[in-house]
Amino acid sequence: MSDESQFNDDVFVERVARVLSTPERFGDEFEHALVEAIRADRPLRRTIPRRVRTLTPAWWSTPATVRVSPLRAMLLAAGVAAIAGLSTLGLARQPADVAPARVAQTVHDTVTLVRFVFVGEAKSVALVGDFNRWGAEPTPLRISGANGAWTASVPVPSGRHEYAFIVDGERWVADPSAPTSADEFDTPSSVITVGS
């Protein structure tokens, strides 16, 4: 830097400093208006909310303020939309190793008419089993002949079934002419297998 430019800079700084260092005078009206404005401005009294313990009844009814910037709100909305979109795509896509679902064809199951026989003295006999929901709809047996035989013919689907007789409305009796089974309460019942 040359001496001449240094001198010019010093002169300029001195002139600016003189202007800035001179006191500034305002009229009485300005000072009066300024003092009134300061007096009119009262300090704000901030009330500090009482802290409430978490999960107490008062905590549930205390309003809460959540502040989120617009950028974070947009990012949150975009994230939710992305998750919803991706989950929808995932549901629409099927893995290559899984065959598409096919409509099941109706299979006509064979029902066999089975004749149940109870021999013994009784005033009434009913048949219960898994094929009639264990007595939700008990099947009454009718007496046939003089030898005390009670009979009923019931349509039974193919498979293994358990059944029993209810004699005189209160006594549970397994069929003595069929294999027996017992449940977890040691209640005896009979087993029949229908079909192949």
Foldseek 3Di string as FASTA:
>chain_A
DDPVVVVVVVVVVVVVVVVVPDDDDDDPVVVVVVVVVVVVDDDDDDDDDDDDDPPDPVNVVDDDDDDDDPVRVVVVVVVVVVVVVVVVVVVVDDDPVDDDDDDDDDDDFDWDWDKDKDFDDAPWKWKAWVQNPGPPPTHTWPADDDRRMTMDIDTGTAAKMKMWMAGHNHDTGEHPVADWDADPVRRIIGMDGHDD
